[in-house]
PDB file of all heavy atoms in Angstrom:
ATOM      1  N   ILE A   1     -53.890  62.968 -35.199  1.00  0.00           N
ATOM      2  CA  ILE A   1     -53.261  62.003 -34.287  1.00  0.00           C
ATOM      3  C   ILE A   1     -52.516  62.696 -33.142  1.00  0.00           C
ATOM      4  O   ILE A   1     -51.558  62.149 -32.607  1.00  0.00           O
ATOM      5  CB  ILE A   1     -52.334  61.015 -35.025  1.00  0.00           C
ATOM      6  CG1 ILE A   1     -51.202  61.738 -35.749  1.00  0.00           C
ATOM      7  CG2 ILE A   1     -53.124  60.159 -35.987  1.00  0.00           C
ATOM      8  CD1 ILE A   1     -50.117  60.783 -36.264  1.00  0.00           C
ATOM      9  N   GLU A   2     -52.986  63.886 -32.757  1.00  0.00           N
ATOM     10  CA  GLU A   2     -52.316  64.564 -31.643  1.00  0.00           C
ATOM     11  C   GLU A   2     -53.140  64.558 -30.362  1.00  0.00           C
ATOM     12  O   GLU A   2     -52.673  65.044 -29.334  1.00  0.00           O
ATOM     13  CB  GLU A   2     -51.967  66.001 -32.025  1.00  0.00           C
ATOM     14  CG  GLU A   2     -53.140  66.947 -32.086  1.00  0.00           C
ATOM     15  CD  GLU A   2     -52.716  68.408 -31.944  1.00  0.00           C
ATOM     16  OE1 GLU A   2     -51.518  68.678 -31.812  1.00  0.00           O
ATOM     17  OE2 GLU A   2     -53.606  69.273 -31.956  1.00  0.00           O
ATOM     18  N   SER A   3     -54.359  64.009 -30.391  1.00  0.00           N
ATOM     19  CA  SER A   3     -55.148  63.946 -29.158  1.00  0.00           C
ATOM     20  C   SER A   3     -54.509  62.958 -28.183  1.00  0.00           C
ATOM     21  O   SER A   3     -53.688  62.108 -28.565  1.00  0.00           O
ATOM     22  CB  SER A   3     -56.582  63.505 -29.463  1.00  0.00           C
ATOM     23  OG  SER A   3     -56.618  62.135 -29.821  1.00  0.00           O
ATOM     24  N   ARG A   4     -54.898  63.041 -26.925  1.00  0.00           N
ATOM     25  CA  ARG A   4     -54.335  62.118 -25.933  1.00  0.00           C
ATOM     26  C   ARG A   4     -54.684  60.671 -26.261  1.00  0.00           C
ATOM     27  O   ARG A   4     -53.862  59.767 -26.070  1.00  0.00           O
ATOM     28  CB  ARG A   4     -54.848  62.489 -24.540  1.00  0.00           C
ATOM     29  CG  ARG A   4     -54.268  63.775 -23.993  1.00  0.00           C
ATOM     30  CD  ARG A   4     -54.661  64.015 -22.552  1.00  0.00           C
ATOM     31  NE  ARG A   4     -54.051  65.231 -22.017  1.00  0.00           N
ATOM     32  CZ  ARG A   4     -54.190  65.640 -20.773  1.00  0.00           C
ATOM     33  NH1 ARG A   4     -54.916  64.934 -19.923  1.00  0.00           N
ATOM     34  NH2 ARG A   4     -53.608  66.760 -20.361  1.00  0.00           N
ATOM     35  N   ALA A   5     -55.902  60.455 -26.752  1.00  0.00           N
ATOM     36  CA  ALA A   5     -56.294  59.082 -27.100  1.00  0.00           C
ATOM     37  C   ALA A   5     -55.451  58.550 -28.245  1.00  0.00           C
ATOM     38  O   ALA A   5     -55.004  57.395 -28.224  1.00  0.00           O
ATOM     39  CB  ALA A   5     -57.777  59.043 -27.467  1.00  0.00           C
ATOM     40  N   GLN A   6     -55.214  59.377 -29.249  1.00  0.00           N
ATOM     41  CA  GLN A   6     -54.381  58.943 -30.375  1.00  0.00           C
ATOM     42  C   GLN A   6     -52.940  58.734 -29.932  1.00  0.00           C
ATOM     43  O   GLN A   6     -52.287  57.773 -30.340  1.00  0.00           O
ATOM     44  CB  GLN A   6     -54.443  59.977 -31.502  1.00  0.00           C
ATOM     45  CG  GLN A   6     -55.769  60.032 -32.255  1.00  0.00           C
ATOM     46  CD  GLN A   6     -55.912  58.904 -33.266  1.00  0.00           C
ATOM     47  OE1 GLN A   6     -55.050  58.035 -33.379  1.00  0.00           O
ATOM     48  NE2 GLN A   6     -57.017  58.903 -33.999  1.00  0.00           N
ATOM     49  N   GLN A   7     -52.435  59.642 -29.106  1.00  0.00           N
ATOM     50  CA  GLN A   7     -51.056  59.488 -28.647  1.00  0.00           C
ATOM     51  C   GLN A   7     -50.882  58.248 -27.773  1.00  0.00           C
ATOM     52  O   GLN A   7     -49.806  57.656 -27.736  1.00  0.00           O
ATOM     53  CB  GLN A   7     -50.609  60.744 -27.891  1.00  0.00           C
ATOM     54  CG  GLN A   7     -50.392  61.942 -28.803  1.00  0.00           C
ATOM     55  CD  GLN A   7     -49.795  63.132 -28.075  1.00  0.00           C
ATOM     56  OE1 GLN A   7     -49.968  63.300 -26.871  1.00  0.00           O
ATOM     57  NE2 GLN A   7     -49.083  63.978 -28.808  1.00  0.00           N
ATOM     58  N   ALA A   8     -51.937  57.844 -27.076  1.00  0.00           N
ATOM     59  CA  ALA A   8     -51.863  56.607 -26.311  1.00  0.00           C
ATOM     60  C   ALA A   8     -51.904  55.392 -27.230  1.00  0.00           C
ATOM     61  O   ALA A   8     -51.305  54.347 -26.920  1.00  0.00           O
ATOM     62  CB  ALA A   8     -53.017  56.542 -25.309  1.00  0.00           C
ATOM     63  N   MET A   9     -52.595  55.517 -28.357  1.00  0.00           N
ATOM     64  CA  MET A   9     -52.716  54.386 -29.282  1.00  0.00           C
ATOM     65  C   MET A   9     -51.466  54.190 -30.142  1.00  0.00           C
ATOM     66  O   MET A   9     -51.090  53.051 -30.452  1.00  0.00           O
ATOM     67  CB  MET A   9     -53.929  54.610 -30.196  1.00  0.00           C
ATOM     68  CG  MET A   9     -54.172  53.504 -31.230  1.00  0.00           C
ATOM     69  SD  MET A   9     -54.572  51.914 -30.457  1.00  0.00           S
ATOM     70  CE  MET A   9     -56.181  52.298 -29.761  1.00  0.00           C
ATOM     71  N   LEU A  10     -50.805  55.264 -30.510  1.00  0.00           N
ATOM     72  CA  LEU A  10     -49.691  55.171 -31.457  1.00  0.00           C
ATOM     73  C   LEU A  10     -48.589  54.199 -31.021  1.00  0.00           C
ATOM     74  O   LEU A  10     -48.157  53.360 -31.823  1.00  0.00           O
ATOM     75  CB  LEU A  10     -49.109  56.567 -31.707  1.00  0.00           C
ATOM     76  CG  LEU A  10     -49.960  57.475 -32.600  1.00  0.00           C
ATOM     77  CD1 LEU A  10     -49.504  58.928 -32.463  1.00  0.00           C
ATOM     78  CD2 LEU A  10     -49.886  57.028 -34.053  1.00  0.00           C
ATOM     79  N   PRO A  11     -48.100  54.243 -29.775  1.00  0.00           N
ATOM     80  CA  PRO A  11     -47.054  53.282 -29.396  1.00  0.00           C
ATOM     81  C   PRO A  11     -47.550  51.839 -29.335  1.00  0.00           C
ATOM     82  O   PRO A  11     -46.741  50.903 -29.360  1.00  0.00           O
ATOM     83  CB  PRO A  11     -46.628  53.762 -28.003  1.00  0.00           C
ATOM     84  CG  PRO A  11     -47.113  55.170 -27.904  1.00  0.00           C
ATOM     85  CD  PRO A  11     -48.372  55.208 -28.706  1.00  0.00           C
ATOM     86  N   ARG A  12     -48.861  51.646 -29.254  1.00  0.00           N
ATOM     87  CA  ARG A  12     -49.418  50.295 -29.208  1.00  0.00           C
ATOM     88  C   ARG A  12     -49.644  49.755 -30.622  1.00  0.00           C
ATOM     89  O   ARG A  12     -49.343  48.601 -30.908  1.00  0.00           O
ATOM     90  CB  ARG A  12     -50.729  50.297 -28.430  1.00  0.00           C
ATOM     91  CG  ARG A  12     -50.588  50.793 -26.998  1.00  0.00           C
ATOM     92  CD  ARG A  12     -51.936  51.022 -26.342  1.00  0.00           C
ATOM     93  NE  ARG A  12     -52.660  49.764 -26.150  1.00  0.00           N
ATOM     94  CZ  ARG A  12     -53.948  49.681 -25.875  1.00  0.00           C
ATOM     95  NH1 ARG A  12     -54.676  50.790 -25.793  1.00  0.00           N
ATOM     96  NH2 ARG A  12     -54.520  48.508 -25.702  1.00  0.00           N
ATOM     97  N   LEU A  13     -50.177  50.596 -31.483  1.00  0.00           N
ATOM     98  CA  LEU A  13     -50.431  50.149 -32.849  1.00  0.00           C
ATOM     99  C   LEU A  13     -49.153  50.146 -33.690  1.00  0.00           C
ATOM    100  O   LEU A  13     -48.991  49.342 -34.587  1.00  0.00           O
ATOM    101  CB  LEU A  13     -51.491  51.051 -33.489  1.00  0.00           C
ATOM    102  CG  LEU A  13     -52.163  50.520 -34.755  1.00  0.00           C
ATOM    103  CD1 LEU A  13     -53.624  50.980 -34.807  1.00  0.00           C
ATOM    104  CD2 LEU A  13     -51.454  51.001 -36.006  1.00  0.00           C
ATOM    105  N   LYS A  14     -48.227  51.076 -33.386  1.00  0.00           N
ATOM    106  CA  LYS A  14     -46.929  51.186 -34.070  1.00  0.00           C
ATOM    107  C   LYS A  14     -47.084  51.251 -35.596  1.00  0.00           C
ATOM    108  O   LYS A  14     -46.645  50.350 -36.318  1.00  0.00           O
ATOM    109  CB  LYS A  14     -46.008  50.029 -33.686  1.00  0.00           C
ATOM    110  CG  LYS A  14     -45.636  49.993 -32.218  1.00  0.00           C
ATOM    111  CD  LYS A  14     -44.604  48.919 -31.928  1.00  0.00           C
ATOM    112  CE  LYS A  14     -44.280  48.858 -30.434  1.00  0.00           C
ATOM    113  NZ  LYS A  14     -43.756  50.116 -29.905  1.00  0.00           N
ATOM    114  N   PRO A  15     -47.690  52.303 -36.113  1.00  0.00           N
ATOM    115  CA  PRO A  15     -47.853  52.395 -37.564  1.00  0.00           C
ATOM    116  C   PRO A  15     -46.506  52.379 -38.282  1.00  0.00           C
ATOM    117  O   PRO A  15     -45.587  53.093 -37.890  1.00  0.00           O
ATOM    118  CB  PRO A  15     -48.572  53.736 -37.750  1.00  0.00           C
ATOM    119  CG  PRO A  15     -48.297  54.512 -36.505  1.00  0.00           C
ATOM    120  CD  PRO A  15     -48.196  53.493 -35.415  1.00  0.00           C
ATOM    121  N   ALA A  16     -46.410  51.544 -39.310  1.00  0.00           N
ATOM    122  CA  ALA A  16     -45.151  51.393 -40.045  1.00  0.00           C
ATOM    123  C   ALA A  16     -45.340  51.530 -41.552  1.00  0.00           C
ATOM    124  O   ALA A  16     -44.380  51.376 -42.307  1.00  0.00           O
ATOM    125  CB  ALA A  16     -44.523  50.032 -39.726  1.00  0.00           C
ATOM    126  N   CYS A  17     -46.572  51.804 -41.996  1.00  0.00           N
ATOM    127  CA  CYS A  17     -46.838  52.020 -43.414  1.00  0.00           C
ATOM    128  C   CYS A  17     -48.103  52.873 -43.520  1.00  0.00           C
ATOM    129  O   CYS A  17     -48.789  53.113 -42.517  1.00  0.00           O
ATOM    130  CB  CYS A  17     -47.010  50.693 -44.163  1.00  0.00           C
ATOM    131  SG  CYS A  17     -48.474  49.756 -43.654  1.00  0.00           S
ATOM    132  N   PHE A  18     -48.405  53.319 -44.731  1.00  0.00           N
ATOM    133  CA  PHE A  18     -49.532  54.236 -44.894  1.00  0.00           C
ATOM    134  C   PHE A  18     -50.848  53.607 -44.448  1.00  0.00           C
ATOM    135  O   PHE A  18     -51.663  54.266 -43.796  1.00  0.00           O
ATOM    136  CB  PHE A  18     -49.637  54.703 -46.350  1.00  0.00           C
ATOM    137  CG  PHE A  18     -50.779  55.650 -46.576  1.00  0.00           C
ATOM    138  CD1 PHE A  18     -50.683  56.971 -46.150  1.00  0.00           C
ATOM    139  CD2 PHE A  18     -51.941  55.228 -47.194  1.00  0.00           C
ATOM    140  CE1 PHE A  18     -51.740  57.853 -46.331  1.00  0.00           C
ATOM    141  CE2 PHE A  18     -53.001  56.107 -47.381  1.00  0.00           C
ATOM    142  CZ  PHE A  18     -52.898  57.426 -46.954  1.00  0.00           C
ATOM    143  N   TYR A  19     -51.080  52.333 -44.772  1.00  0.00           N
ATOM    144  CA  TYR A  19     -52.353  51.726 -44.394  1.00  0.00           C
ATOM    145  C   TYR A  19     -52.495  51.646 -42.880  1.00  0.00           C
ATOM    146  O   TYR A  19     -53.616  51.709 -42.348  1.00  0.00           O
ATOM    147  CB  TYR A  19     -52.521  50.341 -45.015  1.00  0.00           C
ATOM    148  CG  TYR A  19     -53.951  49.841 -44.922  1.00  0.00           C
ATOM    149  CD1 TYR A  19     -54.936  50.363 -45.756  1.00  0.00           C
ATOM    150  CD2 TYR A  19     -54.326  48.878 -43.995  1.00  0.00           C
ATOM    151  CE1 TYR A  19     -56.248  49.937 -45.672  1.00  0.00           C
ATOM    152  CE2 TYR A  19     -55.639  48.437 -43.905  1.00  0.00           C
ATOM    153  CZ  TYR A  19     -56.591  48.964 -44.742  1.00  0.00           C
ATOM    154  OH  TYR A  19     -57.890  48.550 -44.644  1.00  0.00           O
ATOM    155  N   ASP A  20     -51.374  51.545 -42.161  1.00  0.00           N
ATOM    156  CA  ASP A  20     -51.444  51.585 -40.702  1.00  0.00           C
ATOM    157  C   ASP A  20     -51.970  52.939 -40.222  1.00  0.00           C
ATOM    158  O   ASP A  20     -52.702  53.010 -39.225  1.00  0.00           O
ATOM    159  CB  ASP A  20     -50.062  51.341 -40.092  1.00  0.00           C
ATOM    160  CG  ASP A  20     -49.604  49.897 -40.236  1.00  0.00           C
ATOM    161  OD1 ASP A  20     -50.428  49.039 -40.595  1.00  0.00           O
ATOM    162  OD2 ASP A  20     -48.407  49.648 -39.999  1.00  0.00           O
ATOM    163  N   LEU A  21     -51.612  54.014 -40.917  1.00  0.00           N
ATOM    164  CA  LEU A  21     -52.148  55.325 -40.552  1.00  0.00           C
ATOM    165  C   LEU A  21     -53.640  55.402 -40.835  1.00  0.00           C
ATOM    166  O   LEU A  21     -54.387  56.049 -40.086  1.00  0.00           O
ATOM    167  CB  LEU A  21     -51.418  56.436 -41.319  1.00  0.00           C
ATOM    168  CG  LEU A  21     -49.963  56.706 -40.940  1.00  0.00           C
ATOM    169  CD1 LEU A  21     -49.410  57.850 -41.784  1.00  0.00           C
ATOM    170  CD2 LEU A  21     -49.826  57.035 -39.457  1.00  0.00           C
ATOM    171  N   VAL A  22     -54.086  54.750 -41.906  1.00  0.00           N
ATOM    172  CA  VAL A  22     -55.518  54.697 -42.205  1.00  0.00           C
ATOM    173  C   VAL A  22     -56.256  54.039 -41.034  1.00  0.00           C
ATOM    174  O   VAL A  22     -57.292  54.528 -40.574  1.00  0.00           O
ATOM    175  CB  VAL A  22     -55.779  53.935 -43.520  1.00  0.00           C
ATOM    176  CG1 VAL A  22     -57.284  53.824 -43.794  1.00  0.00           C
ATOM    177  CG2 VAL A  22     -55.086  54.618 -44.701  1.00  0.00           C
ATOM    178  N   ILE A  23     -55.703  52.932 -40.540  1.00  0.00           N
ATOM    179  CA  ILE A  23     -56.309  52.232 -39.408  1.00  0.00           C
ATOM    180  C   ILE A  23     -56.230  53.097 -38.150  1.00  0.00           C
ATOM    181  O   ILE A  23     -57.195  53.184 -37.377  1.00  0.00           O
ATOM    182  CB  ILE A  23     -55.626  50.875 -39.192  1.00  0.00           C
ATOM    183  CG1 ILE A  23     -55.976  49.938 -40.353  1.00  0.00           C
ATOM    184  CG2 ILE A  23     -56.034  50.255 -37.854  1.00  0.00           C
ATOM    185  CD1 ILE A  23     -55.266  48.615 -40.331  1.00  0.00           C
ATOM    186  N   GLU A  24     -55.106  53.744 -37.930  1.00  0.00           N
ATOM    187  CA  GLU A  24     -54.934  54.595 -36.749  1.00  0.00           C
ATOM    188  C   GLU A  24     -55.992  55.689 -36.704  1.00  0.00           C
ATOM    189  O   GLU A  24     -56.578  55.966 -35.637  1.00  0.00           O
ATOM    190  CB  GLU A  24     -53.537  55.237 -36.769  1.00  0.00           C
ATOM    191  CG  GLU A  24     -53.250  56.201 -35.637  1.00  0.00           C
ATOM    192  CD  GLU A  24     -53.038  55.515 -34.308  1.00  0.00           C
ATOM    193  OE1 GLU A  24     -52.470  54.420 -34.290  1.00  0.00           O
ATOM    194  OE2 GLU A  24     -53.429  56.099 -33.280  1.00  0.00           O
ATOM    195  N   VAL A  25     -56.250  56.309 -37.849  1.00  0.00           N
ATOM    196  CA  VAL A  25     -57.268  57.358 -37.915  1.00  0.00           C
ATOM    197  C   VAL A  25     -58.644  56.801 -37.555  1.00  0.00           C
ATOM    198  O   VAL A  25     -59.429  57.436 -36.845  1.00  0.00           O
ATOM    199  CB  VAL A  25     -57.297  57.987 -39.321  1.00  0.00           C
ATOM    200  CG1 VAL A  25     -58.555  58.830 -39.522  1.00  0.00           C
ATOM    201  CG2 VAL A  25     -56.052  58.842 -39.549  1.00  0.00           C
ATOM    202  N   ALA A  26     -58.939  55.596 -38.042  1.00  0.00           N
ATOM    203  CA  ALA A  26     -60.291  55.035 -37.903  1.00  0.00           C
ATOM    204  C   ALA A  26     -60.542  54.355 -36.569  1.00  0.00           C
ATOM    205  O   ALA A  26     -61.692  54.308 -36.108  1.00  0.00           O
ATOM    206  CB  ALA A  26     -60.544  54.032 -39.031  1.00  0.00           C
ATOM    207  N   ILE A  27     -59.504  53.822 -35.927  1.00  0.00           N
ATOM    208  CA  ILE A  27     -59.740  52.941 -34.789  1.00  0.00           C
ATOM    209  C   ILE A  27     -60.041  53.715 -33.502  1.00  0.00           C
ATOM    210  O   ILE A  27     -60.736  53.203 -32.620  1.00  0.00           O
ATOM    211  CB  ILE A  27     -58.539  51.986 -34.597  1.00  0.00           C
ATOM    212  CG1 ILE A  27     -58.970  50.761 -33.794  1.00  0.00           C
ATOM    213  CG2 ILE A  27     -57.355  52.690 -33.954  1.00  0.00           C
ATOM    214  CD1 ILE A  27     -57.938  49.644 -33.789  1.00  0.00           C
ATOM    215  N   VAL A  28     -59.543  54.935 -33.376  1.00  0.00           N
ATOM    216  CA  VAL A  28     -59.822  55.725 -32.175  1.00  0.00           C
ATOM    217  C   VAL A  28     -61.092  56.534 -32.439  1.00  0.00           C
ATOM    218  O   VAL A  28     -61.075  57.761 -32.577  1.00  0.00           O
ATOM    219  CB  VAL A  28     -58.634  56.642 -31.812  1.00  0.00           C
ATOM    220  CG1 VAL A  28     -58.908  57.361 -30.483  1.00  0.00           C
ATOM    221  CG2 VAL A  28     -57.347  55.831 -31.692  1.00  0.00           C
ATOM    222  N   ARG A  29     -62.197  55.813 -32.548  1.00  0.00           N
ATOM    223  CA  ARG A  29     -63.510  56.391 -32.818  1.00  0.00           C
ATOM    224  C   ARG A  29     -64.536  55.669 -31.948  1.00  0.00           C
ATOM    225  O   ARG A  29     -64.339  54.501 -31.576  1.00  0.00           O
ATOM    226  CB  ARG A  29     -63.900  56.215 -34.289  1.00  0.00           C
ATOM    227  CG  ARG A  29     -62.929  56.822 -35.267  1.00  0.00           C
ATOM    228  CD  ARG A  29     -63.000  58.333 -35.278  1.00  0.00           C
ATOM    229  NE  ARG A  29     -61.807  58.909 -35.903  1.00  0.00           N
ATOM    230  CZ  ARG A  29     -61.562  60.202 -35.979  1.00  0.00           C
ATOM    231  NH1 ARG A  29     -62.421  61.056 -35.470  1.00  0.00           N
ATOM    232  NH2 ARG A  29     -60.453  60.634 -36.532  1.00  0.00           N
TER     233      ARG A  29
END
């Protein structure tokens, strides 16, 4: 989650639990 695309997504998705991180990993594909 350190790429520019992931860093742009993080403030929008706002992960607040582990399953949110699962989605964060998968959605920027």
